[in-house]
Amino acid sequence: MFVPCAPLLKGLLADGVGIVASGLPSGVLKQAKMGLFTNQVPINLNTLLSDLVQPTYTGYALLAVTPWTGPVRQSDGSYQVISPDCVFQMQDSTKPTVAYGAFLQTSDAQPELLGGVVFDTPVALQTWEDAAVIVAQLELLAGSVSGDLTLL
């Protein structure tokens, strides 16, 4: 389950209706980037981006999460937004990697952690044939966020 961090909640409160008024996520989500982390760290409201260790395999990079689909109004009054598939593909087998989770961050000059998820089972990326494909599906309601970063 996706765990939001303080910068995302602050951004949603500041954005308010702006998230849905234009028909697209705005503010902190609009320019979000997704990444993987390789250390066993719990994600909570106060987790910092610097707490996460990112992979070092050839070709690893943060992926821009754009365009988001939605927002779509749900029966409970929340709005759902869905990211495109984010594909983290191994380029070679020189640095086998185990990813314990995925995260969203801002794309600011000084990026902040928006939230993340710890995978139920770590993902082994051992050769160029291995990839982690992740989609974000978030529910936004009255300054709160729930959802998931689902490993496909």
Foldseek 3Di string as FASTA:
>chain_A
DKAFAQVQLVQCVVCPCVCPPVFFGDTQLQFKWKFFFFDDDDWYHHDKPVVGHGDDAPPGDIGTFDDWHGQDQDPVRWTKIKTDKDKGFGQAQPGKTKTQWMFMWGPDPDIITGIIDGDPDIAIHGGRVDMWIWMWMWIGDDSDIDTHTDTD
